[in-house]
Amino acid sequence: MFWRKSSLEGAVEEAVRSALRQYVSIATDEIGKLSKVSALSDEITKLRDQLADLKTQRKQEEREIEHKLGLHKLRTEAEKQMADQGYAALEARLKKDGEVTVREAKVVAREEAMKRADELLGEQVSRMERLVDMLVQALPTAAMFKET
C-alpha cells in the first residue's frame, strides 16, 4: 500500500513542478503586464478626455475672442460714428456760431450806422432849426407893417 516513488516518477513530478512554477511565473508576469496595460489604457482614456476638454476649452476661448473682437469692432464703429456725429455737430455748432457772429456783427454795424444816421439827422435838424430861425428872423413881421 505504501509504494515508493520511482526515480522516474520523481523526475516527472519534478519536471511537472518546474513547468508549473515556470507557467505560474509566466502567468504572474503576464498578469503584471495586463495590469500595466490596464493602467496605461486608463491613462490613455484620461488623456483623451483631457485632450477633448482642452479642445472644447480652446474652441470656447476662440469663440470668446471672436465675440470680444466683434464687440470691439462694434464699439469702434460706434465711437467712430459718435465722433463723426460729434464732428458734424461741432461743425454745425461752429457754423451756427459763425452765423450768429455774423448776425451780431451785422446788428452792431446797423446800430453804429443808425447812431451815425441819428447824429447826421440830429445835425440836419439843428441846421434846419437854425435855418428856420434865420428865415423867421428874415420874414417881415406884422410889426413892420404897422403904421407908425
N, C-alpha and C. Protein backbone atom coordinates (compact mmCIF):
# COMPACT_ATOMS: atom_id res chain seq x y z
N MET A 1 0.80 -1.14 0.00
CA MET A 1 0.00 0.00 0.00
C MET A 1 0.88 1.24 0.00
N PHE A 2 1.88 1.07 0.67
CA PHE A 2 2.82 2.18 0.54
C PHE A 2 3.71 1.84 -0.61
N TRP A 3 3.66 2.65 -1.49
CA TRP A 3 4.64 2.39 -2.53
C TRP A 3 5.66 3.46 -2.58
N ARG A 4 6.64 3.13 -3.05
CA ARG A 4 7.79 4.01 -3.17
C ARG A 4 7.81 4.62 -4.55
N LYS A 5 8.25 5.84 -4.54
CA LYS A 5 8.30 6.54 -5.82
C LYS A 5 9.54 6.06 -6.55
N SER A 6 9.32 5.90 -7.74
CA SER A 6 10.48 5.52 -8.53
C SER A 6 11.18 6.79 -8.97
N SER A 7 12.36 6.65 -9.40
CA SER A 7 13.13 7.80 -9.83
C SER A 7 12.48 8.46 -11.05
N LEU A 8 11.82 7.69 -11.83
CA LEU A 8 11.14 8.24 -13.00
C LEU A 8 9.96 9.07 -12.56
N GLU A 9 9.26 8.55 -11.61
CA GLU A 9 8.12 9.32 -11.10
C GLU A 9 8.61 10.59 -10.46
N GLY A 10 9.68 10.54 -9.70
CA GLY A 10 10.25 11.73 -9.06
C GLY A 10 10.70 12.74 -10.10
N ALA A 11 11.33 12.23 -11.17
CA ALA A 11 11.80 13.14 -12.22
C ALA A 11 10.64 13.78 -12.94
N VAL A 12 9.57 13.02 -13.18
CA VAL A 12 8.38 13.55 -13.85
C VAL A 12 7.72 14.58 -12.96
N GLU A 13 7.62 14.19 -11.65
CA GLU A 13 6.99 15.10 -10.69
C GLU A 13 7.80 16.40 -10.63
N GLU A 14 9.10 16.29 -10.59
CA GLU A 14 9.97 17.48 -10.52
C GLU A 14 9.84 18.28 -11.80
N ALA A 15 9.75 17.64 -12.96
CA ALA A 15 9.60 18.34 -14.24
C ALA A 15 8.27 19.06 -14.29
N VAL A 16 7.21 18.38 -13.78
CA VAL A 16 5.87 18.99 -13.77
C VAL A 16 5.87 20.20 -12.85
N ARG A 17 6.48 20.01 -11.65
CA ARG A 17 6.54 21.13 -10.69
C ARG A 17 7.33 22.30 -11.30
N SER A 18 8.41 21.99 -11.92
CA SER A 18 9.24 23.02 -12.53
C SER A 18 8.47 23.73 -13.66
N ALA A 19 7.77 22.96 -14.46
CA ALA A 19 6.98 23.53 -15.55
C ALA A 19 5.86 24.38 -14.97
N LEU A 20 5.21 23.86 -13.89
CA LEU A 20 4.13 24.64 -13.25
C LEU A 20 4.68 25.95 -12.69
N ARG A 21 5.84 25.87 -12.01
CA ARG A 21 6.44 27.09 -11.47
C ARG A 21 6.74 28.07 -12.61
N GLN A 22 7.26 27.56 -13.68
CA GLN A 22 7.58 28.40 -14.83
C GLN A 22 6.32 29.02 -15.40
N TYR A 23 5.25 28.20 -15.55
CA TYR A 23 3.99 28.73 -16.07
C TYR A 23 3.36 29.73 -15.11
N VAL A 24 3.47 29.45 -13.80
CA VAL A 24 2.95 30.39 -12.80
C VAL A 24 3.72 31.70 -12.88
N SER A 25 5.02 31.60 -13.02
CA SER A 25 5.87 32.79 -13.14
C SER A 25 5.50 33.58 -14.39
N ILE A 26 5.35 32.85 -15.50
CA ILE A 26 4.96 33.50 -16.76
C ILE A 26 3.58 34.12 -16.62
N ALA A 27 2.64 33.40 -16.01
CA ALA A 27 1.29 33.91 -15.82
C ALA A 27 1.31 35.15 -14.92
N THR A 28 2.14 35.08 -13.87
CA THR A 28 2.26 36.24 -12.97
C THR A 28 2.81 37.43 -13.74
N ASP A 29 3.84 37.20 -14.56
CA ASP A 29 4.38 38.28 -15.39
C ASP A 29 3.32 38.83 -16.34
N GLU A 30 2.56 37.92 -16.94
CA GLU A 30 1.51 38.35 -17.87
C GLU A 30 0.42 39.13 -17.15
N ILE A 31 0.08 38.67 -15.96
CA ILE A 31 -0.92 39.41 -15.16
C ILE A 31 -0.39 40.80 -14.83
N GLY A 32 0.88 40.88 -14.45
CA GLY A 32 1.51 42.18 -14.20
C GLY A 32 1.48 43.06 -15.43
N LYS A 33 1.81 42.43 -16.58
CA LYS A 33 1.77 43.18 -17.83
C LYS A 33 0.34 43.63 -18.14
N LEU A 34 -0.63 42.74 -17.90
CA LEU A 34 -2.02 43.10 -18.14
C LEU A 34 -2.47 44.25 -17.23
N SER A 35 -2.02 44.23 -15.97
CA SER A 35 -2.38 45.33 -15.07
C SER A 35 -1.73 46.63 -15.54
N LYS A 36 -0.46 46.51 -16.04
CA LYS A 36 0.18 47.70 -16.60
C LYS A 36 -0.56 48.18 -17.83
N VAL A 37 -0.97 47.24 -18.69
CA VAL A 37 -1.74 47.58 -19.89
C VAL A 37 -3.05 48.24 -19.48
N SER A 38 -3.70 47.68 -18.47
CA SER A 38 -4.95 48.25 -18.00
C SER A 38 -4.73 49.65 -17.45
N ALA A 39 -3.65 49.84 -16.66
CA ALA A 39 -3.33 51.16 -16.12
C ALA A 39 -3.03 52.13 -17.25
N LEU A 40 -2.24 51.66 -18.24
CA LEU A 40 -1.93 52.51 -19.38
C LEU A 40 -3.18 52.83 -20.19
N SER A 41 -4.06 51.85 -20.33
CA SER A 41 -5.31 52.08 -21.04
C SER A 41 -6.15 53.13 -20.30
N ASP A 42 -6.20 53.02 -18.97
CA ASP A 42 -6.93 54.02 -18.18
C ASP A 42 -6.30 55.41 -18.35
N GLU A 43 -4.97 55.45 -18.34
CA GLU A 43 -4.29 56.74 -18.52
C GLU A 43 -4.55 57.30 -19.91
N ILE A 44 -4.55 56.42 -20.92
CA ILE A 44 -4.86 56.87 -22.29
C ILE A 44 -6.26 57.46 -22.34
N THR A 45 -7.20 56.79 -21.68
CA THR A 45 -8.58 57.29 -21.63
C THR A 45 -8.62 58.66 -20.96
N LYS A 46 -7.91 58.79 -19.82
CA LYS A 46 -7.87 60.08 -19.12
C LYS A 46 -7.26 61.16 -20.02
N LEU A 47 -6.17 60.80 -20.71
CA LEU A 47 -5.51 61.77 -21.58
C LEU A 47 -6.41 62.17 -22.75
N ARG A 48 -7.14 61.19 -23.28
CA ARG A 48 -8.08 61.51 -24.37
C ARG A 48 -9.18 62.45 -23.87
N ASP A 49 -9.68 62.17 -22.64
CA ASP A 49 -10.69 63.05 -22.05
C ASP A 49 -10.12 64.45 -21.84
N GLN A 50 -8.88 64.53 -21.33
CA GLN A 50 -8.25 65.83 -21.13
C GLN A 50 -8.06 66.56 -22.45
N LEU A 51 -7.66 65.80 -23.49
CA LEU A 51 -7.48 66.38 -24.81
C LEU A 51 -8.81 66.93 -25.33
N ALA A 52 -9.88 66.15 -25.16
CA ALA A 52 -11.20 66.60 -25.59
C ALA A 52 -11.61 67.86 -24.81
N ASP A 53 -11.35 67.86 -23.50
CA ASP A 53 -11.65 69.04 -22.69
C ASP A 53 -10.85 70.25 -23.16
N LEU A 54 -9.56 70.03 -23.45
CA LEU A 54 -8.72 71.13 -23.92
C LEU A 54 -9.20 71.67 -25.26
N LYS A 55 -9.59 70.73 -26.16
CA LYS A 55 -10.12 71.17 -27.45
C LYS A 55 -11.39 71.98 -27.27
N THR A 56 -12.28 71.50 -26.39
CA THR A 56 -13.52 72.22 -26.11
C THR A 56 -13.22 73.59 -25.52
N GLN A 57 -12.29 73.61 -24.58
CA GLN A 57 -11.90 74.87 -23.94
C GLN A 57 -11.30 75.83 -24.98
N ARG A 58 -10.47 75.30 -25.86
CA ARG A 58 -9.85 76.14 -26.89
C ARG A 58 -10.91 76.71 -27.83
N LYS A 59 -11.86 75.86 -28.22
CA LYS A 59 -12.93 76.35 -29.10
C LYS A 59 -13.75 77.43 -28.40
N GLN A 60 -14.02 77.22 -27.11
CA GLN A 60 -14.76 78.22 -26.34
C GLN A 60 -13.97 79.52 -26.25
N GLU A 61 -12.66 79.41 -26.00
CA GLU A 61 -11.82 80.60 -25.93
C GLU A 61 -11.79 81.31 -27.28
N GLU A 62 -11.73 80.54 -28.38
CA GLU A 62 -11.75 81.13 -29.71
C GLU A 62 -13.06 81.87 -29.94
N ARG A 63 -14.19 81.24 -29.52
CA ARG A 63 -15.49 81.90 -29.66
C ARG A 63 -15.54 83.18 -28.84
N GLU A 64 -14.99 83.11 -27.61
CA GLU A 64 -14.97 84.29 -26.75
C GLU A 64 -14.12 85.40 -27.37
N ILE A 65 -12.98 85.02 -27.94
CA ILE A 65 -12.11 86.01 -28.57
C ILE A 65 -12.82 86.62 -29.78
N GLU A 66 -13.46 85.76 -30.60
CA GLU A 66 -14.20 86.27 -31.75
C GLU A 66 -15.32 87.19 -31.29
N HIS A 67 -15.99 86.81 -30.21
CA HIS A 67 -17.06 87.65 -29.66
C HIS A 67 -16.50 88.99 -29.18
N LYS A 68 -15.37 88.93 -28.47
CA LYS A 68 -14.74 90.17 -27.98
C LYS A 68 -14.29 91.03 -29.15
N LEU A 69 -13.74 90.40 -30.19
CA LEU A 69 -13.33 91.16 -31.37
C LEU A 69 -14.53 91.81 -32.04
N GLY A 70 -15.62 91.05 -32.11
CA GLY A 70 -16.85 91.60 -32.69
C GLY A 70 -17.36 92.78 -31.87
N LEU A 71 -17.35 92.62 -30.54
CA LEU A 71 -17.78 93.72 -29.67
C LEU A 71 -16.85 94.92 -29.83
N HIS A 72 -15.55 94.63 -29.91
CA HIS A 72 -14.58 95.73 -30.07
C HIS A 72 -14.83 96.45 -31.40
N LYS A 73 -15.10 95.67 -32.44
CA LYS A 73 -15.37 96.26 -33.75
C LYS A 73 -16.63 97.11 -33.68
N LEU A 74 -17.68 96.59 -33.05
CA LEU A 74 -18.92 97.36 -32.91
C LEU A 74 -18.68 98.63 -32.10
N ARG A 75 -17.91 98.50 -31.00
CA ARG A 75 -17.62 99.66 -30.15
C ARG A 75 -16.84 100.70 -30.95
N THR A 76 -15.84 100.22 -31.72
CA THR A 76 -15.03 101.13 -32.53
C THR A 76 -15.89 101.84 -33.56
N GLU A 77 -16.77 101.08 -34.23
CA GLU A 77 -17.66 101.68 -35.21
C GLU A 77 -18.59 102.69 -34.55
N ALA A 78 -19.11 102.35 -33.37
CA ALA A 78 -19.99 103.26 -32.65
C ALA A 78 -19.23 104.52 -32.24
N GLU A 79 -17.99 104.35 -31.75
CA GLU A 79 -17.19 105.51 -31.37
C GLU A 79 -16.89 106.37 -32.59
N LYS A 80 -16.60 105.71 -33.71
CA LYS A 80 -16.33 106.46 -34.94
C LYS A 80 -17.58 107.21 -35.37
N GLN A 81 -18.71 106.52 -35.31
CA GLN A 81 -19.97 107.16 -35.70
C GLN A 81 -20.27 108.33 -34.76
N MET A 82 -20.04 108.12 -33.45
CA MET A 82 -20.27 109.19 -32.49
C MET A 82 -19.32 110.35 -32.75
N ALA A 83 -18.06 110.00 -33.08
CA ALA A 83 -17.09 111.04 -33.37
C ALA A 83 -17.51 111.81 -34.62
N ASP A 84 -17.95 111.06 -35.66
CA ASP A 84 -18.42 111.71 -36.88
C ASP A 84 -19.61 112.61 -36.58
N GLN A 85 -20.54 112.09 -35.77
CA GLN A 85 -21.70 112.89 -35.38
C GLN A 85 -21.25 114.08 -34.54
N GLY A 86 -20.26 113.83 -33.67
CA GLY A 86 -19.74 114.92 -32.84
C GLY A 86 -19.08 115.98 -33.70
N TYR A 87 -18.31 115.52 -34.72
CA TYR A 87 -17.69 116.48 -35.62
C TYR A 87 -18.76 117.23 -36.40
N ALA A 88 -19.76 116.48 -36.85
CA ALA A 88 -20.84 117.13 -37.59
C ALA A 88 -21.58 118.12 -36.69
N ALA A 89 -21.82 117.71 -35.45
CA ALA A 89 -22.50 118.61 -34.51
C ALA A 89 -21.61 119.81 -34.22
N LEU A 90 -20.32 119.57 -34.04
CA LEU A 90 -19.39 120.66 -33.79
C LEU A 90 -19.34 121.60 -35.00
N GLU A 91 -19.28 120.99 -36.17
CA GLU A 91 -19.27 121.79 -37.40
C GLU A 91 -20.55 122.61 -37.51
N ALA A 92 -21.68 121.96 -37.24
CA ALA A 92 -22.96 122.68 -37.28
C ALA A 92 -22.98 123.78 -36.23
N ARG A 93 -22.46 123.46 -35.06
CA ARG A 93 -22.43 124.47 -33.99
C ARG A 93 -21.53 125.64 -34.38
N LEU A 94 -20.34 125.31 -34.93
CA LEU A 94 -19.44 126.37 -35.37
C LEU A 94 -20.08 127.20 -36.48
N LYS A 95 -20.77 126.51 -37.39
CA LYS A 95 -21.46 127.22 -38.46
C LYS A 95 -22.53 128.12 -37.88
N LYS A 96 -23.28 127.56 -36.93
CA LYS A 96 -24.34 128.34 -36.28
C LYS A 96 -23.71 129.50 -35.51
N ASP A 97 -22.62 129.20 -34.77
CA ASP A 97 -21.93 130.26 -34.04
C ASP A 97 -21.41 131.31 -35.01
N GLY A 98 -20.91 130.84 -36.15
CA GLY A 98 -20.43 131.77 -37.18
C GLY A 98 -21.57 132.63 -37.70
N GLU A 99 -22.72 131.97 -37.95
CA GLU A 99 -23.88 132.71 -38.41
C GLU A 99 -24.33 133.71 -37.35
N VAL A 100 -24.32 133.27 -36.10
CA VAL A 100 -24.70 134.16 -35.01
C VAL A 100 -23.71 135.32 -34.91
N THR A 101 -22.42 134.98 -35.05
CA THR A 101 -21.39 136.02 -35.00
C THR A 101 -21.59 137.01 -36.14
N VAL A 102 -21.86 136.51 -37.34
CA VAL A 102 -22.11 137.38 -38.48
C VAL A 102 -23.34 138.23 -38.22
N ARG A 103 -24.40 137.62 -37.71
CA ARG A 103 -25.62 138.37 -37.39
C ARG A 103 -25.34 139.44 -36.35
N GLU A 104 -24.57 139.03 -35.31
CA GLU A 104 -24.23 140.00 -34.27
C GLU A 104 -23.42 141.16 -34.87
N ALA A 105 -22.48 140.82 -35.74
CA ALA A 105 -21.67 141.86 -36.38
C ALA A 105 -22.55 142.77 -37.22
N LYS A 106 -23.51 142.18 -37.94
CA LYS A 106 -24.42 142.98 -38.74
C LYS A 106 -25.28 143.88 -37.86
N VAL A 107 -25.74 143.32 -36.74
CA VAL A 107 -26.55 144.12 -35.81
C VAL A 107 -25.73 145.27 -35.26
N VAL A 108 -24.50 144.99 -34.87
CA VAL A 108 -23.61 146.03 -34.35
C VAL A 108 -23.37 147.08 -35.43
N ALA A 109 -23.11 146.62 -36.66
CA ALA A 109 -22.89 147.55 -37.76
C ALA A 109 -24.14 148.40 -38.00
N ARG A 110 -25.31 147.77 -37.97
CA ARG A 110 -26.57 148.52 -38.15
C ARG A 110 -26.75 149.54 -37.03
N GLU A 111 -26.45 149.09 -35.79
CA GLU A 111 -26.58 150.01 -34.67
C GLU A 111 -25.65 151.21 -34.84
N GLU A 112 -24.40 150.93 -35.26
CA GLU A 112 -23.46 152.03 -35.49
C GLU A 112 -23.93 152.93 -36.62
N ALA A 113 -24.43 152.29 -37.70
CA ALA A 113 -24.96 153.09 -38.82
C ALA A 113 -26.14 153.93 -38.36
N MET A 114 -27.00 153.34 -37.53
CA MET A 114 -28.16 154.08 -37.03
C MET A 114 -27.71 155.23 -36.13
N LYS A 115 -26.69 154.99 -35.31
CA LYS A 115 -26.16 156.06 -34.47
C LYS A 115 -25.63 157.20 -35.34
N ARG A 116 -24.86 156.82 -36.39
CA ARG A 116 -24.34 157.84 -37.30
C ARG A 116 -25.49 158.56 -38.01
N ALA A 117 -26.48 157.77 -38.42
CA ALA A 117 -27.64 158.38 -39.08
C ALA A 117 -28.36 159.31 -38.10
N ASP A 118 -28.50 158.88 -36.84
CA ASP A 118 -29.12 159.75 -35.83
C ASP A 118 -28.32 161.02 -35.64
N GLU A 119 -26.98 160.88 -35.59
CA GLU A 119 -26.12 162.05 -35.43
C GLU A 119 -26.29 162.99 -36.62
N LEU A 120 -26.25 162.38 -37.83
CA LEU A 120 -26.41 163.20 -39.04
C LEU A 120 -27.79 163.85 -39.06
N LEU A 121 -28.79 163.05 -38.70
CA LEU A 121 -30.15 163.59 -38.68
C LEU A 121 -30.25 164.69 -37.63
N GLY A 122 -29.62 164.46 -36.48
CA GLY A 122 -29.60 165.50 -35.44
C GLY A 122 -28.92 166.76 -35.92
N GLU A 123 -27.80 166.61 -36.63
CA GLU A 123 -27.10 167.77 -37.20
C GLU A 123 -27.98 168.47 -38.21
N GLN A 124 -28.63 167.67 -39.08
CA GLN A 124 -29.50 168.26 -40.10
C GLN A 124 -30.68 168.99 -39.45
N VAL A 125 -31.23 168.36 -38.40
CA VAL A 125 -32.35 169.00 -37.70
C VAL A 125 -31.89 170.32 -37.07
N SER A 126 -30.72 170.30 -36.45
CA SER A 126 -30.23 171.54 -35.85
C SER A 126 -29.95 172.60 -36.91
N ARG A 127 -29.42 172.20 -38.08
CA ARG A 127 -29.22 173.14 -39.18
C ARG A 127 -30.55 173.70 -39.67
N MET A 128 -31.52 172.77 -39.80
CA MET A 128 -32.84 173.20 -40.25
C MET A 128 -33.45 174.16 -39.25
N GLU A 129 -33.27 173.86 -37.96
CA GLU A 129 -33.80 174.77 -36.93
C GLU A 129 -33.14 176.13 -37.05
N ARG A 130 -31.83 176.16 -37.26
CA ARG A 130 -31.12 177.42 -37.41
C ARG A 130 -31.60 178.16 -38.67
N LEU A 131 -31.81 177.37 -39.73
CA LEU A 131 -32.30 177.94 -40.97
C LEU A 131 -33.69 178.53 -40.79
N VAL A 132 -34.55 177.76 -40.08
CA VAL A 132 -35.90 178.24 -39.81
C VAL A 132 -35.82 179.50 -38.96
N ASP A 133 -34.94 179.50 -37.97
CA ASP A 133 -34.79 180.69 -37.13
C ASP A 133 -34.34 181.88 -37.98
N MET A 134 -33.40 181.63 -38.89
CA MET A 134 -32.93 182.69 -39.75
C MET A 134 -34.05 183.19 -40.66
N LEU A 135 -34.86 182.22 -41.16
CA LEU A 135 -36.00 182.59 -42.01
C LEU A 135 -37.02 183.39 -41.22
N VAL A 136 -37.27 182.93 -40.02
CA VAL A 136 -38.24 183.62 -39.19
C VAL A 136 -37.75 185.05 -38.92
N GLN A 137 -36.51 185.16 -38.67
CA GLN A 137 -35.98 186.49 -38.40
C GLN A 137 -35.99 187.34 -39.68
N ALA A 138 -35.81 186.73 -40.81
CA ALA A 138 -35.78 187.48 -42.06
C ALA A 138 -37.18 187.82 -42.55
N LEU A 139 -38.16 187.14 -42.17
CA LEU A 139 -39.53 187.40 -42.63
C LEU A 139 -40.03 188.71 -41.99
N PRO A 140 -40.79 189.38 -42.77
CA PRO A 140 -41.34 190.59 -42.18
C PRO A 140 -42.37 190.24 -41.14
N THR A 141 -42.41 190.96 -40.12
CA THR A 141 -43.37 190.70 -39.07
C THR A 141 -44.50 191.70 -39.22
N ALA A 142 -45.54 191.46 -38.52
CA ALA A 142 -46.70 192.33 -38.57
C ALA A 142 -46.35 193.69 -38.02
N ALA A 143 -45.37 193.70 -37.19
CA ALA A 143 -44.97 194.97 -36.59
C ALA A 143 -44.35 195.85 -37.66
N MET A 144 -43.79 195.32 -38.66
CA MET A 144 -43.18 196.11 -39.69
C MET A 144 -44.22 196.82 -40.55
N PHE A 145 -45.39 196.24 -40.63
CA PHE A 145 -46.43 196.81 -41.47
C PHE A 145 -47.30 197.76 -40.67
N LYS A 146 -47.04 197.91 -39.47
CA LYS A 146 -47.80 198.78 -38.61
C LYS A 146 -47.46 200.24 -38.95
N GLU A 147 -48.37 201.03 -38.96
CA GLU A 147 -48.13 202.40 -39.29
C GLU A 147 -47.66 203.12 -38.07
N THR A 148 -46.76 203.74 -38.24
CA THR A 148 -46.20 204.49 -37.14
C THR A 148 -46.58 205.92 -37.15
